[in-house]
Amino acid sequence: MIGESYVPAHITGFFRVHLSKDYLTTGSTGAGICLEAGVITHVDIKKSNKMKIKFLWNNEEKNNNIIYPILGFLVDSPIEIIVKQKSLLPIGYGYGISGASTLGLVLAINKALGMPIKKEEAYNIAHILEVRRRTGFGDVAAQIVGGFEFRKKPGAPSFGE
């Protein structure tokens, strides 16, 4: 089972974080712009009798601790998964690459599994995981829209505005 996705990078121009007891309503208000560069994700999933994960970032094998929580939302039996992600932009420099990576993983895994959840729920999962890890508060919502965006209400894509 194969799934692929592309998610653009995002640069925030200005923002304000709004914390809540609920990850779905936690987020940011502000504005930014999405770039053409981003993260391309390819996943190959096979049924297995035990969980096996191989993750490649720009053709280099790495650990990615976000895959397990994503799989916790989407699968209920062991699988073997090979994930390949590529980006021309680095993580940790304000390009929203962690959000693009997380969203790309959720979308590609969901596609490979035959879309067990709706896209809106996939967007919310990516947002929750970004907020939970404190790696992004508005990138996922912006990356779904693309282009120039203005976030007026904080929260996951199905709650924010």
C-alpha atoms as a PDB file:
ATOM      1  CA  MET A   1       0.000   0.000   0.000  1.00  0.00           C
ATOM      2  CA  ILE A   2       1.550   3.265  -1.117  1.00  0.00           C
ATOM      3  CA  GLY A   3       0.708   6.847  -0.195  1.00  0.00           C
ATOM      4  CA  GLU A   4       2.259  10.156  -1.196  1.00  0.00           C
ATOM      5  CA  SER A   5       1.799  13.782  -0.240  1.00  0.00           C
ATOM      6  CA  TYR A   6       3.291  17.235  -0.677  1.00  0.00           C
ATOM      7  CA  VAL A   7       2.991  19.993   1.934  1.00  0.00           C
ATOM      8  CA  PRO A   8       4.430  23.499   1.425  1.00  0.00           C
ATOM      9  CA  ALA A   9       6.819  25.236   3.798  1.00  0.00           C
ATOM     10  CA  HIS A  10       5.367  28.163   5.774  1.00  0.00           C
ATOM     11  CA  ILE A  11       6.976  31.355   7.022  1.00  0.00           C
ATOM     12  CA  THR A  12       5.091  33.226   9.726  1.00  0.00           C
ATOM     13  CA  GLY A  13       5.205  37.008   9.439  1.00  0.00           C
ATOM     14  CA  PHE A  14       3.675  37.690  12.851  1.00  0.00           C
ATOM     15  CA  PHE A  15       1.730  35.639  15.377  1.00  0.00           C
ATOM     16  CA  ARG A  16       0.287  35.354  18.852  1.00  0.00           C
ATOM     17  CA  VAL A  17      -0.021  31.967  20.587  1.00  0.00           C
ATOM     18  CA  HIS A  18      -3.332  31.157  22.313  1.00  0.00           C
ATOM     19  CA  LEU A  19      -3.030  28.282  24.796  1.00  0.00           C
ATOM     20  CA  SER A  20      -6.046  26.241  25.846  1.00  0.00           C
ATOM     21  CA  LYS A  21      -6.649  23.076  27.858  1.00  0.00           C
ATOM     22  CA  ASP A  22      -7.737  21.461  24.574  1.00  0.00           C
ATOM     23  CA  TYR A  23      -5.192  20.868  21.792  1.00  0.00           C
ATOM     24  CA  LEU A  24      -7.904  21.435  19.182  1.00  0.00           C
ATOM     25  CA  THR A  25      -8.547  25.010  20.340  1.00  0.00           C
ATOM     26  CA  THR A  26      -4.884  25.811  21.077  1.00  0.00           C
ATOM     27  CA  GLY A  27      -3.172  27.597  18.226  1.00  0.00           C
ATOM     28  CA  SER A  28      -2.132  30.992  16.968  1.00  0.00           C
ATOM     29  CA  THR A  29      -3.492  34.054  15.273  1.00  0.00           C
ATOM     30  CA  GLY A  30      -1.349  35.921  12.779  1.00  0.00           C
ATOM     31  CA  ALA A  31      -0.304  35.853   9.164  1.00  0.00           C
ATOM     32  CA  GLY A  32       2.273  34.254   6.943  1.00  0.00           C
ATOM     33  CA  ILE A  33       3.020  32.897   3.532  1.00  0.00           C
ATOM     34  CA  CYS A  34       3.505  29.401   2.148  1.00  0.00           C
ATOM     35  CA  LEU A  35       6.408  28.694  -0.177  1.00  0.00           C
ATOM     36  CA  GLU A  36       6.627  26.456  -3.218  1.00  0.00           C
ATOM     37  CA  ALA A  37       9.373  24.460  -1.486  1.00  0.00           C
ATOM     38  CA  GLY A  38       8.122  22.038   1.124  1.00  0.00           C
ATOM     39  CA  VAL A  39       8.124  18.376   2.130  1.00  0.00           C
ATOM     40  CA  ILE A  40       7.432  15.463  -0.199  1.00  0.00           C
ATOM     41  CA  THR A  41       6.410  12.265   1.598  1.00  0.00           C
ATOM     42  CA  HIS A  42       6.276   8.720   0.240  1.00  0.00           C
ATOM     43  CA  VAL A  43       5.179   5.778   2.395  1.00  0.00           C
ATOM     44  CA  ASP A  44       5.077   2.077   1.625  1.00  0.00           C
ATOM     45  CA  ILE A  45       3.036  -0.021   4.083  1.00  0.00           C
ATOM     46  CA  LYS A  46       2.799  -3.792   4.371  1.00  0.00           C
ATOM     47  CA  LYS A  47       0.915  -5.973   6.837  1.00  0.00           C
ATOM     48  CA  SER A  48       3.221  -7.503   9.425  1.00  0.00           C
ATOM     49  CA  ASN A  49       3.145  -9.512  12.621  1.00  0.00           C
ATOM     50  CA  LYS A  50       5.171  -6.823  14.413  1.00  0.00           C
ATOM     51  CA  MET A  51       5.577  -3.061  14.055  1.00  0.00           C
ATOM     52  CA  LYS A  52       8.580  -2.092  11.897  1.00  0.00           C
ATOM     53  CA  ILE A  53       9.422   1.472  10.911  1.00  0.00           C
ATOM     54  CA  LYS A  54      12.162   2.720   8.602  1.00  0.00           C
ATOM     55  CA  PHE A  55      12.427   6.484   8.145  1.00  0.00           C
ATOM     56  CA  LEU A  56      14.574   8.293   5.582  1.00  0.00           C
ATOM     57  CA  TRP A  57      14.966  12.083   5.581  1.00  0.00           C
ATOM     58  CA  ASN A  58      16.643  13.317   2.392  1.00  0.00           C
ATOM     59  CA  ASN A  59      17.840   9.733   1.738  1.00  0.00           C
ATOM     60  CA  GLU A  60      19.489   9.477   5.178  1.00  0.00           C
ATOM     61  CA  GLU A  61      18.134   7.023   7.751  1.00  0.00           C
ATOM     62  CA  LYS A  62      16.927   8.878  10.854  1.00  0.00           C
ATOM     63  CA  ASN A  63      14.745   8.356  13.914  1.00  0.00           C
ATOM     64  CA  ASN A  64      11.346  10.033  13.762  1.00  0.00           C
ATOM     65  CA  ASN A  65       9.398   9.822  17.009  1.00  0.00           C
ATOM     66  CA  ILE A  66       6.248  11.351  15.484  1.00  0.00           C
ATOM     67  CA  ILE A  67       5.445   8.269  13.373  1.00  0.00           C
ATOM     68  CA  TYR A  68       4.329   6.160  16.369  1.00  0.00           C
ATOM     69  CA  PRO A  69       1.709   8.682  17.577  1.00  0.00           C
ATOM     70  CA  ILE A  70       0.395   9.053  14.003  1.00  0.00           C
ATOM     71  CA  LEU A  71       0.074   5.286  13.677  1.00  0.00           C
ATOM     72  CA  GLY A  72      -1.719   5.256  17.041  1.00  0.00           C
ATOM     73  CA  PHE A  73      -4.460   7.376  15.458  1.00  0.00           C
ATOM     74  CA  LEU A  74      -4.674   5.377  12.212  1.00  0.00           C
ATOM     75  CA  VAL A  75      -3.863   1.681  12.690  1.00  0.00           C
ATOM     76  CA  ASP A  76      -4.958  -1.004  15.114  1.00  0.00           C
ATOM     77  CA  SER A  77      -2.663  -3.859  14.036  1.00  0.00           C
ATOM     78  CA  PRO A  78       1.102  -4.145  13.381  1.00  0.00           C
ATOM     79  CA  ILE A  79       2.473  -2.937  10.047  1.00  0.00           C
ATOM     80  CA  GLU A  80       5.804  -2.561   8.332  1.00  0.00           C
ATOM     81  CA  ILE A  81       6.250   0.986   7.049  1.00  0.00           C
ATOM     82  CA  ILE A  82       8.997   2.610   5.021  1.00  0.00           C
ATOM     83  CA  VAL A  83       8.821   6.411   5.026  1.00  0.00           C
ATOM     84  CA  LYS A  84      10.816   8.649   2.692  1.00  0.00           C
ATOM     85  CA  GLN A  85      10.629  12.407   3.151  1.00  0.00           C
ATOM     86  CA  LYS A  86      12.504  15.042   1.172  1.00  0.00           C
ATOM     87  CA  SER A  87      12.885  18.769   1.691  1.00  0.00           C
ATOM     88  CA  LEU A  88      15.241  21.388   0.311  1.00  0.00           C
ATOM     89  CA  LEU A  89      14.702  23.421   3.495  1.00  0.00           C
ATOM     90  CA  PRO A  90      16.063  22.532   6.961  1.00  0.00           C
ATOM     91  CA  ILE A  91      14.071  21.829  10.120  1.00  0.00           C
ATOM     92  CA  GLY A  92      14.411  24.394  12.912  1.00  0.00           C
ATOM     93  CA  TYR A  93      14.878  27.584  10.881  1.00  0.00           C
ATOM     94  CA  GLY A  94      11.347  28.982  10.785  1.00  0.00           C
ATOM     95  CA  TYR A  95      10.094  27.361   7.584  1.00  0.00           C
ATOM     96  CA  GLY A  96       7.382  25.250   9.246  1.00  0.00           C
ATOM     97  CA  ILE A  97       9.121  22.069   8.109  1.00  0.00           C
ATOM     98  CA  SER A  98       8.133  20.107  11.216  1.00  0.00           C
ATOM     99  CA  GLY A  99       4.492  20.950  10.467  1.00  0.00           C
ATOM    100  CA  ALA A 100       4.935  20.058   6.795  1.00  0.00           C
ATOM    101  CA  SER A 101       6.606  16.791   7.781  1.00  0.00           C
ATOM    102  CA  THR A 102       3.909  15.873  10.315  1.00  0.00           C
ATOM    103  CA  LEU A 103       1.014  16.807   8.022  1.00  0.00           C
ATOM    104  CA  GLY A 104       2.686  15.034   5.095  1.00  0.00           C
ATOM    105  CA  LEU A 105       3.081  11.873   7.166  1.00  0.00           C
ATOM    106  CA  VAL A 106      -0.546  11.856   8.316  1.00  0.00           C
ATOM    107  CA  LEU A 107      -1.848  12.449   4.769  1.00  0.00           C
ATOM    108  CA  ALA A 108       0.432   9.894   3.077  1.00  0.00           C
ATOM    109  CA  ILE A 109      -0.189   7.182   5.696  1.00  0.00           C
ATOM    110  CA  ASN A 110      -3.936   7.826   5.511  1.00  0.00           C
ATOM    111  CA  LYS A 111      -3.832   7.481   1.692  1.00  0.00           C
ATOM    112  CA  ALA A 112      -1.800   4.274   1.885  1.00  0.00           C
ATOM    113  CA  LEU A 113      -4.330   2.801   4.310  1.00  0.00           C
ATOM    114  CA  GLY A 114      -7.234   3.594   1.970  1.00  0.00           C
ATOM    115  CA  MET A 115      -8.364   6.838   3.665  1.00  0.00           C
ATOM    116  CA  PRO A 116      -9.827   5.427   6.908  1.00  0.00           C
ATOM    117  CA  ILE A 117     -10.324   9.000   8.149  1.00  0.00           C
ATOM    118  CA  LYS A 118     -11.547  12.169   6.429  1.00  0.00           C
ATOM    119  CA  LYS A 119      -9.003  14.827   5.435  1.00  0.00           C
ATOM    120  CA  GLU A 120     -10.355  17.229   8.074  1.00  0.00           C
ATOM    121  CA  GLU A 121      -9.600  14.690  10.803  1.00  0.00           C
ATOM    122  CA  ALA A 122      -6.125  14.119   9.340  1.00  0.00           C
ATOM    123  CA  TYR A 123      -5.510  17.887   9.487  1.00  0.00           C
ATOM    124  CA  ASN A 124      -6.627  17.938  13.126  1.00  0.00           C
ATOM    125  CA  ILE A 125      -4.315  15.028  14.013  1.00  0.00           C
ATOM    126  CA  ALA A 126      -1.314  16.848  12.518  1.00  0.00           C
ATOM    127  CA  HIS A 127      -2.256  20.038  14.412  1.00  0.00           C
ATOM    128  CA  ILE A 128      -2.679  18.142  17.709  1.00  0.00           C
ATOM    129  CA  LEU A 129       0.732  16.489  17.337  1.00  0.00           C
ATOM    130  CA  GLU A 130       2.433  19.797  16.510  1.00  0.00           C
ATOM    131  CA  VAL A 131       0.844  21.529  19.518  1.00  0.00           C
ATOM    132  CA  ARG A 132       1.553  18.575  21.818  1.00  0.00           C
ATOM    133  CA  ARG A 133       5.262  18.713  20.865  1.00  0.00           C
ATOM    134  CA  ARG A 134       5.282  22.545  20.937  1.00  0.00           C
ATOM    135  CA  THR A 135       6.806  22.622  17.437  1.00  0.00           C
ATOM    136  CA  GLY A 136       4.040  24.669  15.813  1.00  0.00           C
ATOM    137  CA  PHE A 137       0.807  26.462  16.649  1.00  0.00           C
ATOM    138  CA  GLY A 138      -0.430  27.623  13.244  1.00  0.00           C
ATOM    139  CA  ASP A 139       1.700  26.094  10.505  1.00  0.00           C
ATOM    140  CA  VAL A 140      -0.578  23.125   9.773  1.00  0.00           C
ATOM    141  CA  ALA A 141      -3.647  25.366   9.359  1.00  0.00           C
ATOM    142  CA  ALA A 142      -1.666  27.674   7.068  1.00  0.00           C
ATOM    143  CA  GLN A 143      -0.159  24.833   5.035  1.00  0.00           C
ATOM    144  CA  ILE A 144      -3.601  23.427   4.267  1.00  0.00           C
ATOM    145  CA  VAL A 145      -4.707  26.771   2.791  1.00  0.00           C
ATOM    146  CA  GLY A 146      -1.435  27.646   1.036  1.00  0.00           C
ATOM    147  CA  GLY A 147      -0.421  31.030  -0.353  1.00  0.00           C
ATOM    148  CA  PHE A 148      -0.768  34.065   1.908  1.00  0.00           C
ATOM    149  CA  GLU A 149      -2.943  33.391   4.940  1.00  0.00           C
ATOM    150  CA  PHE A 150      -4.332  35.325   7.885  1.00  0.00           C
ATOM    151  CA  ARG A 151      -5.342  33.331  10.976  1.00  0.00           C
ATOM    152  CA  LYS A 152      -8.125  35.201  12.838  1.00  0.00           C
ATOM    153  CA  LYS A 153      -9.149  32.441  15.271  1.00  0.00           C
ATOM    154  CA  PRO A 154      -6.713  29.964  16.888  1.00  0.00           C
ATOM    155  CA  GLY A 155      -7.070  26.215  16.784  1.00  0.00           C
ATOM    156  CA  ALA A 156      -6.948  23.119  14.643  1.00  0.00           C
ATOM    157  CA  PRO A 157      -8.131  23.543  11.042  1.00  0.00           C
ATOM    158  CA  SER A 158     -11.706  22.504  11.862  1.00  0.00           C
ATOM    159  CA  PHE A 159     -11.863  24.952  14.806  1.00  0.00           C
ATOM    160  CA  GLY A 160      -9.699  27.904  13.784  1.00  0.00           C
ATOM    161  CA  GLU A 161     -10.389  30.500  11.136  1.00  0.00           C
END
